[in-house]
């Protein structure tokens, strides 16, 4: 079930300014917080807000923290909730942070949207841990989101993938073309 709030930040339609980017968070490893060496975790608050504020980005953005789930726990109803938020958004460019295990499944559902540029990204290691790929993947995703045509794209490991032409390679800890 989505949170009942959207957090307008740094300008947007509420301020009469054009909305450059709508960010929707679903949870996943990127937002995980681990409590012990035995992998006891919870999905915490969206870390992307921290990155964008620290980077002092010069575009307007809006954050919708939709859910806090490991992607293996996402249901078809959850994916429909993501789709509904994307369809109802006034933004032409939407970034979705998502767990990597089922990111491609959600991306395929989002292909029903034709008039927006949608990029999904995530991380193999939590954003709060040293050596995480989160900051790189977020920055890369925002960069390509500004240049890609309308459609659904997955931005991971410095590459852009079409949803039906990618896979997660667990052994290599990366996404690749299939």
N, C-alpha and C. Protein backbone atom coordinates (compact mmCIF):
# COMPACT_ATOMS: atom_id res chain seq x y z
N UNK A 1 0.84 -1.18 0.00
CA UNK A 1 0.00 0.00 0.00
C UNK A 1 0.89 1.24 0.00
N UNK A 2 0.65 2.17 -0.92
CA UNK A 2 1.51 3.35 -0.99
C UNK A 2 1.32 4.26 0.22
N UNK A 3 2.38 5.01 0.53
CA UNK A 3 2.26 6.04 1.56
C UNK A 3 1.25 7.06 1.06
N UNK A 4 0.60 7.76 1.97
CA UNK A 4 -0.43 8.70 1.56
C UNK A 4 0.12 10.11 1.39
N UNK A 5 1.40 10.22 1.13
CA UNK A 5 1.96 11.56 0.96
C UNK A 5 3.01 11.59 -0.15
N UNK A 6 3.10 12.74 -0.73
CA UNK A 6 4.14 13.04 -1.68
C UNK A 6 4.87 14.24 -1.12
N UNK A 7 6.19 14.19 -1.14
CA UNK A 7 6.98 15.25 -0.56
C UNK A 7 7.48 16.17 -1.67
N UNK A 8 6.90 17.38 -1.82
CA UNK A 8 7.41 18.30 -2.83
C UNK A 8 8.71 18.92 -2.34
N UNK A 9 9.74 18.86 -3.15
CA UNK A 9 11.04 19.39 -2.76
C UNK A 9 11.62 20.24 -3.88
N UNK A 10 12.27 21.32 -3.50
CA UNK A 10 13.04 22.13 -4.44
C UNK A 10 12.25 22.56 -5.66
N UNK A 11 11.03 22.94 -5.47
CA UNK A 11 10.23 23.43 -6.59
C UNK A 11 9.43 22.33 -7.23
N UNK A 12 8.52 22.68 -8.05
CA UNK A 12 7.65 21.72 -8.71
C UNK A 12 6.32 22.37 -8.99
N UNK A 13 5.34 21.60 -9.43
CA UNK A 13 4.06 22.17 -9.83
C UNK A 13 3.39 22.96 -8.71
N UNK A 14 3.62 22.57 -7.45
CA UNK A 14 3.01 23.27 -6.34
C UNK A 14 3.51 24.71 -6.26
N UNK A 15 4.71 24.98 -6.74
CA UNK A 15 5.31 26.30 -6.71
C UNK A 15 5.13 27.06 -8.01
N UNK A 16 4.41 26.47 -8.96
CA UNK A 16 4.25 27.08 -10.26
C UNK A 16 5.46 26.89 -11.15
N UNK A 17 6.43 26.11 -10.72
CA UNK A 17 7.62 25.84 -11.52
C UNK A 17 7.45 24.52 -12.26
N UNK A 18 8.10 24.37 -13.40
CA UNK A 18 8.01 23.08 -14.08
C UNK A 18 8.69 22.00 -13.24
N UNK A 19 8.10 20.83 -13.25
CA UNK A 19 8.68 19.72 -12.50
C UNK A 19 9.65 18.98 -13.40
N UNK A 20 10.92 19.00 -13.05
CA UNK A 20 11.92 18.34 -13.86
C UNK A 20 11.91 16.83 -13.68
N UNK A 21 11.76 16.37 -12.44
CA UNK A 21 11.94 14.95 -12.16
C UNK A 21 11.06 14.51 -11.00
N UNK A 22 10.37 13.41 -11.20
CA UNK A 22 9.58 12.79 -10.14
C UNK A 22 10.29 11.50 -9.77
N UNK A 23 10.62 11.37 -8.50
CA UNK A 23 11.32 10.19 -8.00
C UNK A 23 10.34 9.37 -7.18
N UNK A 24 10.24 8.09 -7.51
CA UNK A 24 9.37 7.18 -6.78
C UNK A 24 10.26 6.10 -6.18
N UNK A 25 10.13 5.89 -4.87
CA UNK A 25 10.96 4.87 -4.23
C UNK A 25 10.08 3.69 -3.81
N UNK A 26 10.63 2.49 -3.97
CA UNK A 26 9.90 1.28 -3.62
C UNK A 26 10.60 0.46 -2.55
N UNK A 27 11.82 0.84 -2.19
CA UNK A 27 12.60 0.08 -1.23
C UNK A 27 13.75 -0.62 -1.93
N UNK A 28 13.99 -1.86 -1.52
CA UNK A 28 15.08 -2.62 -2.12
C UNK A 28 16.38 -2.43 -1.38
N UNK A 29 17.41 -3.09 -1.85
CA UNK A 29 18.72 -3.05 -1.21
C UNK A 29 19.25 -1.63 -1.07
N UNK A 30 18.98 -0.78 -2.02
CA UNK A 30 19.49 0.59 -1.98
C UNK A 30 19.13 1.28 -0.67
N UNK A 31 17.97 0.95 -0.10
CA UNK A 31 17.50 1.58 1.14
C UNK A 31 17.56 0.66 2.36
N UNK A 32 18.22 -0.48 2.23
CA UNK A 32 18.28 -1.42 3.36
C UNK A 32 19.22 -0.94 4.45
N UNK A 33 18.84 -1.29 5.67
CA UNK A 33 19.66 -1.03 6.85
C UNK A 33 19.86 -2.39 7.52
N UNK A 34 21.12 -2.81 7.64
CA UNK A 34 21.43 -4.09 8.26
C UNK A 34 21.76 -3.89 9.73
N UNK A 35 21.31 -4.82 10.54
CA UNK A 35 21.49 -4.71 11.99
C UNK A 35 22.54 -5.66 12.55
N UNK A 36 22.88 -6.71 11.83
CA UNK A 36 23.89 -7.65 12.32
C UNK A 36 24.50 -8.42 11.17
N UNK A 37 25.50 -9.19 11.47
CA UNK A 37 26.21 -9.95 10.45
C UNK A 37 25.38 -11.10 9.88
N UNK A 38 24.26 -11.41 10.50
CA UNK A 38 23.41 -12.50 10.02
C UNK A 38 22.34 -12.00 9.05
N UNK A 39 22.50 -10.78 8.57
CA UNK A 39 21.63 -10.19 7.56
C UNK A 39 20.24 -9.84 8.07
N UNK A 40 20.09 -9.54 9.37
CA UNK A 40 18.83 -9.03 9.85
C UNK A 40 18.73 -7.59 9.35
N UNK A 41 17.68 -7.26 8.60
CA UNK A 41 17.58 -5.94 8.00
C UNK A 41 16.15 -5.45 7.99
N UNK A 42 16.03 -4.17 7.72
CA UNK A 42 14.75 -3.57 7.37
C UNK A 42 15.02 -2.60 6.24
N UNK A 43 13.99 -2.30 5.48
CA UNK A 43 14.13 -1.30 4.42
C UNK A 43 13.83 0.04 5.06
N UNK A 44 14.80 0.94 5.02
CA UNK A 44 14.69 2.22 5.69
C UNK A 44 14.18 3.33 4.78
N UNK A 45 14.37 4.54 5.23
CA UNK A 45 13.94 5.72 4.48
C UNK A 45 14.72 5.83 3.17
N UNK A 46 14.12 6.45 2.16
CA UNK A 46 14.81 6.60 0.87
C UNK A 46 16.12 7.37 1.00
N UNK A 47 17.19 6.77 0.56
CA UNK A 47 18.51 7.40 0.64
C UNK A 47 18.76 8.39 -0.49
N UNK A 48 17.98 8.32 -1.54
CA UNK A 48 18.19 9.21 -2.69
C UNK A 48 18.04 10.67 -2.28
N UNK A 49 17.17 10.96 -1.33
CA UNK A 49 17.00 12.34 -0.87
C UNK A 49 18.31 12.88 -0.29
N UNK A 50 19.02 12.06 0.47
CA UNK A 50 20.30 12.46 1.05
C UNK A 50 21.29 12.78 -0.07
N UNK A 51 21.38 11.90 -1.06
CA UNK A 51 22.32 12.11 -2.16
C UNK A 51 22.03 13.39 -2.92
N UNK A 52 20.77 13.63 -3.24
CA UNK A 52 20.43 14.82 -4.02
C UNK A 52 20.68 16.10 -3.25
N UNK A 53 20.38 16.10 -1.98
CA UNK A 53 20.63 17.31 -1.16
C UNK A 53 22.14 17.55 -1.02
N UNK A 54 22.91 16.50 -0.77
CA UNK A 54 24.37 16.66 -0.65
C UNK A 54 25.00 17.08 -1.96
N UNK A 55 24.45 16.64 -3.07
CA UNK A 55 25.01 17.00 -4.38
C UNK A 55 24.57 18.38 -4.84
N UNK A 56 23.61 18.99 -4.13
CA UNK A 56 23.12 20.33 -4.47
C UNK A 56 22.72 20.41 -5.94
N UNK A 57 21.91 19.45 -6.38
CA UNK A 57 21.49 19.41 -7.78
C UNK A 57 20.72 20.66 -8.15
N UNK A 58 20.78 21.03 -9.43
CA UNK A 58 20.18 22.28 -9.88
C UNK A 58 18.89 22.09 -10.65
N UNK A 59 18.27 20.94 -10.53
CA UNK A 59 16.98 20.71 -11.16
C UNK A 59 15.94 20.50 -10.07
N UNK A 60 14.67 20.74 -10.41
CA UNK A 60 13.61 20.51 -9.43
C UNK A 60 13.24 19.03 -9.43
N UNK A 61 12.86 18.56 -8.26
CA UNK A 61 12.49 17.16 -8.13
C UNK A 61 11.46 17.00 -7.03
N UNK A 62 10.71 15.93 -7.15
CA UNK A 62 9.68 15.60 -6.18
C UNK A 62 9.85 14.15 -5.80
N UNK A 63 9.73 13.83 -4.54
CA UNK A 63 9.94 12.48 -4.04
C UNK A 63 8.63 11.88 -3.55
N UNK A 64 8.31 10.71 -4.05
CA UNK A 64 7.17 9.95 -3.55
C UNK A 64 7.70 8.64 -2.98
N UNK A 65 7.79 8.54 -1.66
CA UNK A 65 8.22 7.28 -1.03
C UNK A 65 7.04 6.31 -1.00
N UNK A 66 6.89 5.54 -2.05
CA UNK A 66 5.69 4.73 -2.27
C UNK A 66 5.60 3.53 -1.32
N UNK A 67 6.72 2.82 -1.17
CA UNK A 67 6.73 1.66 -0.28
C UNK A 67 8.15 1.39 0.17
N UNK A 68 8.28 0.55 1.19
CA UNK A 68 9.58 0.15 1.72
C UNK A 68 9.62 -1.37 1.77
N UNK A 69 9.89 -1.98 0.61
CA UNK A 69 9.88 -3.44 0.53
C UNK A 69 11.12 -3.96 -0.17
N UNK A 70 11.54 -5.13 0.23
CA UNK A 70 12.52 -5.88 -0.55
C UNK A 70 11.79 -6.25 -1.84
N UNK A 71 12.45 -6.18 -2.97
CA UNK A 71 11.74 -6.43 -4.23
C UNK A 71 11.20 -7.85 -4.35
N UNK A 72 11.78 -8.79 -3.62
CA UNK A 72 11.25 -10.15 -3.64
C UNK A 72 9.88 -10.23 -2.96
N UNK A 73 9.55 -9.22 -2.17
CA UNK A 73 8.25 -9.17 -1.50
C UNK A 73 7.20 -8.39 -2.28
N UNK A 74 7.60 -7.76 -3.39
CA UNK A 74 6.63 -6.99 -4.18
C UNK A 74 5.62 -7.93 -4.83
N UNK A 75 4.37 -7.49 -4.82
CA UNK A 75 3.28 -8.26 -5.41
C UNK A 75 2.83 -7.60 -6.71
N UNK A 76 1.95 -8.26 -7.43
CA UNK A 76 1.36 -7.65 -8.62
C UNK A 76 0.60 -6.38 -8.24
N UNK A 77 -0.06 -6.38 -7.08
CA UNK A 77 -0.76 -5.17 -6.63
C UNK A 77 0.22 -4.03 -6.38
N UNK A 78 1.40 -4.34 -5.83
CA UNK A 78 2.43 -3.32 -5.63
C UNK A 78 2.88 -2.74 -6.96
N UNK A 79 3.07 -3.60 -7.94
CA UNK A 79 3.50 -3.12 -9.26
C UNK A 79 2.41 -2.25 -9.90
N UNK A 80 1.16 -2.60 -9.68
CA UNK A 80 0.05 -1.78 -10.18
C UNK A 80 0.04 -0.43 -9.47
N UNK A 81 0.41 -0.39 -8.19
CA UNK A 81 0.49 0.88 -7.46
C UNK A 81 1.60 1.75 -8.05
N UNK A 82 2.74 1.17 -8.39
CA UNK A 82 3.82 1.92 -9.04
C UNK A 82 3.32 2.46 -10.37
N UNK A 83 2.68 1.61 -11.14
CA UNK A 83 2.14 2.03 -12.44
C UNK A 83 1.16 3.19 -12.28
N UNK A 84 0.28 3.12 -11.30
CA UNK A 84 -0.70 4.18 -11.09
C UNK A 84 -0.03 5.51 -10.75
N UNK A 85 0.99 5.48 -9.89
CA UNK A 85 1.70 6.71 -9.53
C UNK A 85 2.36 7.31 -10.76
N UNK A 86 2.98 6.48 -11.58
CA UNK A 86 3.65 6.95 -12.79
C UNK A 86 2.63 7.54 -13.76
N UNK A 87 1.52 6.86 -13.96
CA UNK A 87 0.50 7.36 -14.89
C UNK A 87 -0.11 8.68 -14.42
N UNK A 88 -0.26 8.84 -13.11
CA UNK A 88 -0.88 10.05 -12.57
C UNK A 88 0.10 11.21 -12.40
N UNK A 89 1.38 10.95 -12.52
CA UNK A 89 2.38 11.99 -12.33
C UNK A 89 2.31 13.04 -13.44
N UNK A 90 2.52 14.28 -13.06
CA UNK A 90 2.56 15.36 -14.05
C UNK A 90 3.94 15.46 -14.72
N UNK A 91 4.90 14.73 -14.19
CA UNK A 91 6.28 14.80 -14.72
C UNK A 91 6.41 13.97 -15.99
N UNK A 92 7.25 14.46 -16.88
CA UNK A 92 7.56 13.71 -18.11
C UNK A 92 8.71 12.74 -17.87
N UNK A 93 9.52 12.98 -16.82
CA UNK A 93 10.67 12.13 -16.49
C UNK A 93 10.52 11.59 -15.08
N UNK A 94 10.59 10.28 -14.97
CA UNK A 94 10.38 9.63 -13.68
C UNK A 94 11.51 8.66 -13.39
N UNK A 95 12.08 8.78 -12.20
CA UNK A 95 13.12 7.87 -11.73
C UNK A 95 12.52 7.01 -10.63
N UNK A 96 12.71 5.70 -10.73
CA UNK A 96 12.21 4.77 -9.73
C UNK A 96 13.38 4.02 -9.13
N UNK A 97 13.54 4.13 -7.81
CA UNK A 97 14.53 3.30 -7.14
C UNK A 97 13.81 2.03 -6.71
N UNK A 98 14.49 0.90 -6.93
CA UNK A 98 13.82 -0.40 -6.84
C UNK A 98 14.84 -1.46 -6.46
N UNK A 99 14.40 -2.49 -5.81
CA UNK A 99 15.26 -3.63 -5.56
C UNK A 99 15.64 -4.31 -6.86
N UNK A 100 16.84 -4.85 -6.91
CA UNK A 100 17.35 -5.38 -8.18
C UNK A 100 16.80 -6.76 -8.54
N UNK A 101 16.30 -7.52 -7.57
CA UNK A 101 15.83 -8.87 -7.88
C UNK A 101 14.63 -8.90 -8.81
N UNK A 102 13.71 -7.95 -8.67
CA UNK A 102 12.52 -7.95 -9.53
C UNK A 102 12.33 -6.64 -10.29
N UNK A 103 13.39 -5.87 -10.39
CA UNK A 103 13.34 -4.59 -11.11
C UNK A 103 12.85 -4.77 -12.55
N UNK A 104 13.33 -5.80 -13.20
CA UNK A 104 12.97 -6.02 -14.60
C UNK A 104 11.49 -6.38 -14.75
N UNK A 105 10.92 -7.06 -13.78
CA UNK A 105 9.50 -7.39 -13.81
C UNK A 105 8.66 -6.12 -13.71
N UNK A 106 9.01 -5.25 -12.79
CA UNK A 106 8.30 -3.97 -12.66
C UNK A 106 8.47 -3.13 -13.92
N UNK A 107 9.67 -3.13 -14.49
CA UNK A 107 9.92 -2.37 -15.72
C UNK A 107 9.00 -2.84 -16.85
N UNK A 108 8.78 -4.14 -16.94
CA UNK A 108 7.89 -4.66 -17.98
C UNK A 108 6.45 -4.19 -17.77
N UNK A 109 5.99 -4.14 -16.52
CA UNK A 109 4.65 -3.63 -16.23
C UNK A 109 4.54 -2.17 -16.65
N UNK A 110 5.58 -1.40 -16.41
CA UNK A 110 5.57 0.03 -16.73
C UNK A 110 5.59 0.33 -18.22
N UNK A 111 5.83 -0.67 -19.04
CA UNK A 111 5.83 -0.44 -20.49
C UNK A 111 4.45 -0.06 -21.00
N UNK A 112 3.44 -0.15 -20.17
CA UNK A 112 2.10 0.31 -20.53
C UNK A 112 2.05 1.83 -20.66
N UNK A 113 3.03 2.53 -20.10
CA UNK A 113 3.09 3.99 -20.15
C UNK A 113 3.90 4.37 -21.39
N UNK A 114 3.31 5.18 -22.25
CA UNK A 114 3.97 5.50 -23.51
C UNK A 114 4.51 6.92 -23.61
N UNK A 115 4.02 7.84 -22.80
CA UNK A 115 4.34 9.24 -23.00
C UNK A 115 5.34 9.83 -22.00
N UNK A 116 6.04 8.97 -21.27
CA UNK A 116 6.98 9.45 -20.27
C UNK A 116 8.29 8.68 -20.40
N UNK A 117 9.35 9.31 -19.92
CA UNK A 117 10.64 8.64 -19.85
C UNK A 117 10.79 8.14 -18.42
N UNK A 118 10.93 6.83 -18.29
CA UNK A 118 10.98 6.19 -16.98
C UNK A 118 12.29 5.41 -16.88
N UNK A 119 13.03 5.67 -15.82
CA UNK A 119 14.28 4.93 -15.59
C UNK A 119 14.21 4.30 -14.21
N UNK A 120 14.50 3.01 -14.15
CA UNK A 120 14.60 2.30 -12.88
C UNK A 120 16.06 2.06 -12.56
N UNK A 121 16.41 2.23 -11.29
CA UNK A 121 17.76 1.94 -10.84
C UNK A 121 17.70 1.42 -9.41
N UNK A 122 18.80 0.90 -8.96
CA UNK A 122 18.89 0.37 -7.60
C UNK A 122 20.35 0.19 -7.25
N UNK A 123 20.61 -0.71 -6.32
CA UNK A 123 21.98 -0.96 -5.89
C UNK A 123 22.13 -2.41 -5.45
N UNK A 124 23.31 -2.92 -5.63
CA UNK A 124 23.64 -4.27 -5.17
C UNK A 124 24.06 -4.26 -3.70
N UNK A 125 24.40 -3.08 -3.20
CA UNK A 125 24.87 -2.90 -1.82
C UNK A 125 24.13 -1.69 -1.26
N UNK A 126 23.66 -1.74 -0.02
CA UNK A 126 22.92 -0.62 0.56
C UNK A 126 23.66 0.72 0.46
N UNK A 127 22.90 1.77 0.21
CA UNK A 127 23.47 3.11 0.06
C UNK A 127 24.23 3.56 1.30
N UNK A 128 23.87 3.05 2.45
CA UNK A 128 24.52 3.47 3.69
C UNK A 128 25.86 2.78 3.94
N UNK A 129 26.21 1.81 3.11
CA UNK A 129 27.46 1.09 3.33
C UNK A 129 28.58 1.62 2.44
N UNK A 130 29.76 1.64 3.00
CA UNK A 130 30.94 2.08 2.25
C UNK A 130 31.14 1.17 1.04
N UNK A 131 31.45 1.75 -0.07
CA UNK A 131 31.68 0.98 -1.29
C UNK A 131 30.40 0.64 -2.05
N UNK A 132 29.28 1.22 -1.64
CA UNK A 132 28.02 0.95 -2.33
C UNK A 132 28.04 1.51 -3.75
N UNK A 133 27.35 0.85 -4.62
CA UNK A 133 27.17 1.32 -5.99
C UNK A 133 25.99 2.28 -6.11
N UNK A 134 25.31 2.58 -5.01
CA UNK A 134 24.10 3.40 -5.03
C UNK A 134 24.33 4.79 -5.61
N UNK A 135 25.31 5.52 -5.12
CA UNK A 135 25.53 6.89 -5.59
C UNK A 135 25.84 6.92 -7.08
N UNK A 136 26.67 5.99 -7.54
CA UNK A 136 26.98 5.94 -8.97
C UNK A 136 25.73 5.65 -9.78
N UNK A 137 24.97 4.64 -9.37
CA UNK A 137 23.78 4.25 -10.13
C UNK A 137 22.74 5.36 -10.15
N UNK A 138 22.55 6.06 -9.03
CA UNK A 138 21.60 7.17 -8.99
C UNK A 138 22.06 8.29 -9.92
N UNK A 139 23.30 8.69 -9.83
CA UNK A 139 23.82 9.76 -10.69
C UNK A 139 23.74 9.39 -12.16
N UNK A 140 24.13 8.17 -12.47
CA UNK A 140 24.05 7.70 -13.86
C UNK A 140 22.61 7.71 -14.35
N UNK A 141 21.70 7.20 -13.53
CA UNK A 141 20.29 7.14 -13.92
C UNK A 141 19.71 8.53 -14.16
N UNK A 142 20.04 9.48 -13.30
CA UNK A 142 19.54 10.84 -13.49
C UNK A 142 20.12 11.45 -14.77
N UNK A 143 21.38 11.20 -15.03
CA UNK A 143 21.99 11.71 -16.26
C UNK A 143 21.33 11.17 -17.51
N UNK A 144 21.15 9.86 -17.57
CA UNK A 144 20.55 9.28 -18.78
C UNK A 144 19.06 9.60 -18.88
N UNK A 145 18.41 9.78 -17.75
CA UNK A 145 16.99 10.12 -17.75
C UNK A 145 16.74 11.43 -18.50
N UNK A 146 17.70 12.32 -18.44
CA UNK A 146 17.56 13.62 -19.10
C UNK A 146 17.79 13.55 -20.62
N UNK A 147 18.31 12.44 -21.10
CA UNK A 147 18.63 12.35 -22.52
C UNK A 147 17.90 11.25 -23.27
N UNK A 148 17.34 10.29 -22.56
CA UNK A 148 16.66 9.16 -23.21
C UNK A 148 15.29 9.56 -23.74
N UNK A 149 14.82 8.88 -24.78
CA UNK A 149 13.46 9.13 -25.28
C UNK A 149 12.42 8.50 -24.36
N UNK A 150 11.17 8.82 -24.60
CA UNK A 150 10.09 8.22 -23.83
C UNK A 150 10.18 6.70 -23.92
N UNK A 151 9.85 6.06 -22.83
CA UNK A 151 9.91 4.61 -22.74
C UNK A 151 10.41 4.21 -21.38
N UNK A 152 10.60 2.92 -21.19
CA UNK A 152 11.06 2.38 -19.91
C UNK A 152 12.47 1.85 -20.08
N UNK A 153 13.35 2.27 -19.18
CA UNK A 153 14.76 1.91 -19.25
C UNK A 153 15.25 1.50 -17.86
N UNK A 154 16.25 0.65 -17.83
CA UNK A 154 16.89 0.24 -16.59
C UNK A 154 18.33 0.72 -16.64
N UNK A 155 18.76 1.48 -15.64
CA UNK A 155 20.12 2.02 -15.59
C UNK A 155 20.85 1.39 -14.41
N UNK A 156 21.78 0.52 -14.73
CA UNK A 156 22.56 -0.17 -13.70
C UNK A 156 23.98 -0.39 -14.20
N UNK A 157 24.93 -0.25 -13.31
CA UNK A 157 26.32 -0.57 -13.61
C UNK A 157 26.88 0.17 -14.82
N UNK A 158 26.44 1.42 -15.00
CA UNK A 158 26.96 2.23 -16.09
C UNK A 158 26.40 1.89 -17.46
N UNK A 159 25.33 1.13 -17.51
CA UNK A 159 24.70 0.78 -18.78
C UNK A 159 23.20 1.01 -18.71
N UNK A 160 22.59 1.24 -19.86
CA UNK A 160 21.14 1.37 -19.97
C UNK A 160 20.63 0.12 -20.68
N UNK A 161 19.62 -0.49 -20.08
CA UNK A 161 19.05 -1.73 -20.62
C UNK A 161 17.57 -1.56 -20.93
N UNK A 162 17.13 -2.25 -21.97
CA UNK A 162 15.69 -2.40 -22.23
C UNK A 162 15.20 -3.50 -21.30
N UNK A 163 14.01 -3.34 -20.72
CA UNK A 163 13.52 -4.31 -19.74
C UNK A 163 13.55 -5.77 -20.20
N UNK A 164 13.20 -6.03 -21.43
CA UNK A 164 13.15 -7.40 -21.92
C UNK A 164 14.48 -7.93 -22.44
N UNK A 165 15.52 -7.12 -22.34
CA UNK A 165 16.82 -7.53 -22.90
C UNK A 165 17.94 -7.47 -21.87
N UNK A 166 17.57 -7.65 -20.61
CA UNK A 166 18.57 -7.60 -19.55
C UNK A 166 18.31 -8.71 -18.54
N UNK A 167 19.33 -8.99 -17.76
CA UNK A 167 19.18 -9.94 -16.65
C UNK A 167 20.16 -9.53 -15.56
N UNK A 168 19.83 -9.96 -14.35
CA UNK A 168 20.72 -9.75 -13.22
C UNK A 168 21.62 -10.97 -13.13
N UNK A 169 22.91 -10.74 -13.18
CA UNK A 169 23.89 -11.81 -13.04
C UNK A 169 24.35 -11.79 -11.59
N UNK A 170 23.80 -12.69 -10.78
CA UNK A 170 24.12 -12.72 -9.35
C UNK A 170 25.59 -13.04 -9.09
N UNK A 171 26.14 -13.94 -9.87
CA UNK A 171 27.54 -14.34 -9.66
C UNK A 171 28.50 -13.18 -9.90
N UNK A 172 28.21 -12.37 -10.93
CA UNK A 172 29.07 -11.23 -11.26
C UNK A 172 28.63 -9.95 -10.54
N UNK A 173 27.48 -10.00 -9.86
CA UNK A 173 26.97 -8.86 -9.10
C UNK A 173 26.72 -7.65 -10.00
N UNK A 174 26.07 -7.89 -11.14
CA UNK A 174 25.78 -6.80 -12.08
C UNK A 174 24.65 -7.19 -13.02
N UNK A 175 24.15 -6.20 -13.73
CA UNK A 175 23.17 -6.43 -14.78
C UNK A 175 23.93 -6.57 -16.09
N UNK A 176 23.34 -7.31 -17.02
CA UNK A 176 23.97 -7.49 -18.33
C UNK A 176 22.91 -7.76 -19.39
N UNK A 177 23.30 -7.59 -20.63
CA UNK A 177 22.39 -7.84 -21.75
C UNK A 177 22.21 -9.34 -21.89
N UNK A 178 20.97 -9.74 -22.17
CA UNK A 178 20.73 -11.17 -22.41
C UNK A 178 20.21 -11.38 -23.82
